[in-house]
């Protein structure tokens, strides 16, 4: 199966958006701007879900049979998604810690 390069690029774009929003959430938390931090975490989650839907579609098209060629751009896209998801999870934890410290 031949994959459309724009599909992989969209995966990279959505993953990048998720990571950027997570980092913006952290910066907002540093300023104790909790509403903006929450909004950015929500946007990060939405972008990560969009990227994950693309990844799921690619996995489904592959059917575990190697139908989709694994090339450098595909590996790059998967790296972006993994990093974005980890960044989002860590940002949520760090923001919660900042909230707890600010409440003291």
C-alpha atoms as a PDB file:
ATOM      1  CA  UNK A   1       0.000   0.000   0.000  1.00  0.00           C
ATOM      2  CA  UNK A   2       1.296   3.436  -0.915  1.00  0.00           C
ATOM      3  CA  UNK A   3       0.745   6.095   1.739  1.00  0.00           C
ATOM      4  CA  UNK A   4       0.082   9.706   0.958  1.00  0.00           C
ATOM      5  CA  UNK A   5       2.959  11.908   2.137  1.00  0.00           C
ATOM      6  CA  UNK A   6       0.437  14.513   3.287  1.00  0.00           C
ATOM      7  CA  UNK A   7      -0.995  11.987   5.750  1.00  0.00           C
ATOM      8  CA  UNK A   8       2.383  11.520   7.408  1.00  0.00           C
ATOM      9  CA  UNK A   9       2.998  15.278   7.374  1.00  0.00           C
ATOM     10  CA  UNK A  10      -0.369  15.839   9.070  1.00  0.00           C
ATOM     11  CA  UNK A  11       0.667  13.374  11.764  1.00  0.00           C
ATOM     12  CA  UNK A  12       3.870  15.364  12.320  1.00  0.00           C
ATOM     13  CA  UNK A  13       1.983  18.676  12.356  1.00  0.00           C
ATOM     14  CA  UNK A  14      -0.613  17.485  14.878  1.00  0.00           C
ATOM     15  CA  UNK A  15       2.044  15.935  17.108  1.00  0.00           C
ATOM     16  CA  UNK A  16       4.056  19.159  16.952  1.00  0.00           C
ATOM     17  CA  UNK A  17       0.982  21.164  17.878  1.00  0.00           C
ATOM     18  CA  UNK A  18       0.360  18.885  20.854  1.00  0.00           C
ATOM     19  CA  UNK A  19       3.919  19.355  22.070  1.00  0.00           C
ATOM     20  CA  UNK A  20       3.844  23.127  21.549  1.00  0.00           C
ATOM     21  CA  UNK A  21       0.594  23.466  23.470  1.00  0.00           C
ATOM     22  CA  UNK A  22       1.999  21.365  26.309  1.00  0.00           C
ATOM     23  CA  UNK A  23       5.030  23.616  26.558  1.00  0.00           C
ATOM     24  CA  UNK A  24       2.827  26.714  26.487  1.00  0.00           C
ATOM     25  CA  UNK A  25       0.780  25.179  29.314  1.00  0.00           C
ATOM     26  CA  UNK A  26       3.963  24.831  31.355  1.00  0.00           C
ATOM     27  CA  UNK A  27       4.886  28.465  30.723  1.00  0.00           C
ATOM     28  CA  UNK A  28       1.390  29.538  31.783  1.00  0.00           C
ATOM     29  CA  UNK A  29       1.680  27.472  34.958  1.00  0.00           C
ATOM     30  CA  UNK A  30       4.959  29.203  35.774  1.00  0.00           C
ATOM     31  CA  UNK A  31       2.990  32.484  35.713  1.00  0.00           C
ATOM     32  CA  UNK A  32       0.225  30.792  37.753  1.00  0.00           C
ATOM     33  CA  UNK A  33      -2.194  31.422  34.887  1.00  0.00           C
ATOM     34  CA  UNK A  34      -4.147  28.271  35.577  1.00  0.00           C
ATOM     35  CA  UNK A  35      -6.994  28.907  33.139  1.00  0.00           C
ATOM     36  CA  UNK A  36      -4.541  29.355  30.255  1.00  0.00           C
ATOM     37  CA  UNK A  37      -2.576  26.294  31.366  1.00  0.00           C
ATOM     38  CA  UNK A  38      -5.777  24.242  31.368  1.00  0.00           C
ATOM     39  CA  UNK A  39      -6.786  25.580  27.959  1.00  0.00           C
ATOM     40  CA  UNK A  40      -3.393  24.693  26.511  1.00  0.00           C
ATOM     41  CA  UNK A  41      -3.537  21.186  27.990  1.00  0.00           C
ATOM     42  CA  UNK A  42      -6.950  20.751  26.383  1.00  0.00           C
ATOM     43  CA  UNK A  43      -5.594  21.912  23.021  1.00  0.00           C
ATOM     44  CA  UNK A  44      -2.623  19.592  23.443  1.00  0.00           C
ATOM     45  CA  UNK A  45      -4.972  16.680  24.068  1.00  0.00           C
ATOM     46  CA  UNK A  46      -7.078  17.512  21.013  1.00  0.00           C
ATOM     47  CA  UNK A  47      -4.023  17.702  18.752  1.00  0.00           C
ATOM     48  CA  UNK A  48      -2.628  14.461  20.204  1.00  0.00           C
ATOM     49  CA  UNK A  49      -5.968  12.741  19.586  1.00  0.00           C
ATOM     50  CA  UNK A  50      -5.942  13.957  15.971  1.00  0.00           C
ATOM     51  CA  UNK A  51      -2.408  12.613  15.522  1.00  0.00           C
ATOM     52  CA  UNK A  52      -3.357   9.348  17.194  1.00  0.00           C
ATOM     53  CA  UNK A  53      -6.340   8.931  14.847  1.00  0.00           C
ATOM     54  CA  UNK A  54      -3.971   9.231  11.887  1.00  0.00           C
ATOM     55  CA  UNK A  55      -1.594   6.725  13.454  1.00  0.00           C
ATOM     56  CA  UNK A  56      -4.474   4.324  14.113  1.00  0.00           C
ATOM     57  CA  UNK A  57      -5.622   4.610  10.500  1.00  0.00           C
ATOM     58  CA  UNK A  58      -2.104   3.843   9.292  1.00  0.00           C
ATOM     59  CA  UNK A  59      -1.880   0.827  11.598  1.00  0.00           C
ATOM     60  CA  UNK A  60      -5.263  -0.370  10.378  1.00  0.00           C
ATOM     61  CA  UNK A  61      -4.221   0.012   6.741  1.00  0.00           C
ATOM     62  CA  UNK A  62      -1.055  -1.967   7.422  1.00  0.00           C
ATOM     63  CA  UNK A  63      -3.029  -4.830   9.002  1.00  0.00           C
ATOM     64  CA  UNK A  64       0.159  -6.071  10.668  1.00  0.00           C
ATOM     65  CA  UNK A  65       1.379  -7.305   7.314  1.00  0.00           C
ATOM     66  CA  UNK A  66       3.973  -4.713   6.358  1.00  0.00           C
ATOM     67  CA  UNK A  67       1.725  -3.152   3.722  1.00  0.00           C
ATOM     68  CA  UNK A  68       2.932   0.317   4.669  1.00  0.00           C
ATOM     69  CA  UNK A  69       6.599   0.935   3.993  1.00  0.00           C
ATOM     70  CA  UNK A  70       8.588   2.085   6.992  1.00  0.00           C
ATOM     71  CA  UNK A  71      10.764   4.939   5.826  1.00  0.00           C
ATOM     72  CA  UNK A  72      12.600   7.732   7.568  1.00  0.00           C
ATOM     73  CA  UNK A  73       9.657  10.159   7.458  1.00  0.00           C
ATOM     74  CA  UNK A  74       7.362   7.544   9.017  1.00  0.00           C
ATOM     75  CA  UNK A  75       9.855   6.911  11.817  1.00  0.00           C
ATOM     76  CA  UNK A  76      10.197  10.667  12.269  1.00  0.00           C
ATOM     77  CA  UNK A  77       6.410  11.026  12.535  1.00  0.00           C
ATOM     78  CA  UNK A  78       6.194   8.276  15.131  1.00  0.00           C
ATOM     79  CA  UNK A  79       8.981   9.907  17.151  1.00  0.00           C
ATOM     80  CA  UNK A  80       7.091  13.191  17.102  1.00  0.00           C
ATOM     81  CA  UNK A  81       3.915  11.535  18.314  1.00  0.00           C
ATOM     82  CA  UNK A  82       5.635   9.640  21.135  1.00  0.00           C
ATOM     83  CA  UNK A  83       7.421  12.791  22.286  1.00  0.00           C
ATOM     84  CA  UNK A  84       4.231  14.833  22.141  1.00  0.00           C
ATOM     85  CA  UNK A  85       2.295  12.312  24.194  1.00  0.00           C
ATOM     86  CA  UNK A  86       5.045  12.089  26.812  1.00  0.00           C
ATOM     87  CA  UNK A  87       5.391  15.869  26.918  1.00  0.00           C
ATOM     88  CA  UNK A  88       1.627  16.227  27.487  1.00  0.00           C
ATOM     89  CA  UNK A  89       1.627  13.718  30.338  1.00  0.00           C
ATOM     90  CA  UNK A  90       4.652  15.269  32.027  1.00  0.00           C
ATOM     91  CA  UNK A  91       3.250  18.782  31.600  1.00  0.00           C
ATOM     92  CA  UNK A  92       0.051  17.733  33.348  1.00  0.00           C
ATOM     93  CA  UNK A  93       2.013  16.339  36.298  1.00  0.00           C
ATOM     94  CA  UNK A  94       4.312  19.356  36.562  1.00  0.00           C
ATOM     95  CA  UNK A  95       1.374  21.752  36.406  1.00  0.00           C
ATOM     96  CA  UNK A  96      -0.372  19.841  39.171  1.00  0.00           C
ATOM     97  CA  UNK A  97       2.770  20.083  41.305  1.00  0.00           C
ATOM     98  CA  UNK A  98       2.978  23.829  40.660  1.00  0.00           C
ATOM     99  CA  UNK A  99      -0.660  24.196  41.697  1.00  0.00           C
ATOM    100  CA  UNK A 100      -0.040  22.323  44.918  1.00  0.00           C
ATOM    101  CA  UNK A 101       3.007  24.451  45.707  1.00  0.00           C
ATOM    102  CA  UNK A 102       1.149  27.668  44.893  1.00  0.00           C
ATOM    103  CA  UNK A 103      -1.683  26.661  47.222  1.00  0.00           C
ATOM    104  CA  UNK A 104       0.643  26.413  50.217  1.00  0.00           C
END
